[in-house]
Amino acid sequence: MPNQKIINLNHIRIGNREKMVLLGGMNVLESAQLADEVVAHYREVTTKLNIPYIFKASFDKANRSSVNSFRGPGLEKGLQIFADLKSKYRVPIITDVHEPWQAKEAAAVVDIIQIPAFLSRQTDLVEAMAETNAIINIKKAQFLSAYDMRHVLQKFESFGHHRLLLCERGNCFGYNNLVVDMLNFPIMKSFGYPVIFDVTHALQLPGGQADSAGGRRQLCFDLARAGVATGLAGVFLEAHPDPQKAKCDGPSALRLLDLELLLTQLQRIDHVVKQQAAIPAELLAMGDS
């Protein structure tokens, strides 16, 4: 396996052999007050467990199933909420952009900008994002294989940008279903960039509720543990104080009160997987072959 890159974000080291990083928050900014409640809880738990933490939320959900679905406060109001949270909690922030003109404005406030899965092959968006100095989280499209992500990486690299993360979020499996192929993780790690596992989006049942996505929240612990056991740079999670009332992807969202238990388990698995000092070198070589 080639050298594994480490992406530095302030004091946080993001790498496949570094300790697990959490990209966690809520799906969409429903209100400034709710965002404050969510980030405060994440900050408390991750500080207690000593897990490097980056807050996630979307200012706009442009790819909702229905025209009647809630999209968020928009770029201007969303970035103001992010700026306030960043100042108050001293936490890095990740958010997604959908159009090229949004990339520069978002990157002026947040630390990581994310290219949505459905848009990960859009060259104009890739170029606009590459022109920023932000770290970029590349969601693997539901219709792409892990091997196809080489071409997305090469696009970013051709525009001179190498501060990249790869993010697994499941593949389409027939209609209204996603599956996660655990072999995708070592394949994407072989490209040398940090790999993140978006657990809660992988729990989606696209279109499963006729005009919105369904989900399998009850399987969150199982799927997260399986992914972290492959040795990853980090996990991506969305949680909500009351998922039943969430305005987007509630059926997939973790209950905020379950966050500490899940992270405690994932941290232990991550620690075991990455303790390689006592493993004979020939066995490590076999694992990388």
Foldseek 3Di string as FASTA:
>chain_A
DDAADWFDDPPDTFTLLDAAAEAEEAEAPPDLVQRLVGVVLVLVLCVVVVHHYEYEHEQFDPDFLDPPFDTHPDDPVVLVSLQVCCVVRVHAYEYEDADLVSQQVNVVRGQEYEHDQVCLPPLSNLLSNLVHPHQYEYEHHQADALLVVVVSCVSSVVSPHDNYEYEYQFHDDPAQAGDDDLVSVLSNVVVNYFYEYAQLSNQWRACPPVRGIAGACVCSLVSLQVNLLVRGSYYYAYEGCQLVPDSHSSNSHHHSVCVNVSVVSSSVSNVVNSPCPPPDPVVVVVVND
